[in-house]
């Protein structure tokens, strides 16, 4: 299922089977490009790198009924420790990382994602008008 189909399914009240299915529809290159274009890419190794904070913002939208710390934990966004253990960040560090990211990277990510969704919606609308189910 592509990004457009996934978003349309969510909009229709159907939930994707998992966040992994949704995240597989978003190209990692789009996130890297959005961070690079806005100058917000992580240079040093952080427990919660900028790429993961973008996923946090996406997850906050999808899991709006959960706290920000629960979203981080649910999506397993914290990098593991050097000895391979489960990483941990404080709530304040999560909020600070989200604030440092700002609105520009998610906005830059929106453009390519919106284009894919719009294209899929147009194909679905044309198919429905002809009486065909989208493939």
Foldseek 3Di string as FASTA:
>chain_A
DALLVQVVCVVVVHHPPDVVVNVVNQDLVLLVVLCVVVVNFDDDDDQQGLSLLLVLVVQCVVPVVDDSQVSCVVVLRGDADPVRHRDDDDPVVSVVSNVSSDDRSNVSSCVVSVVVNVVVVVQQVVCVVVVHHDD
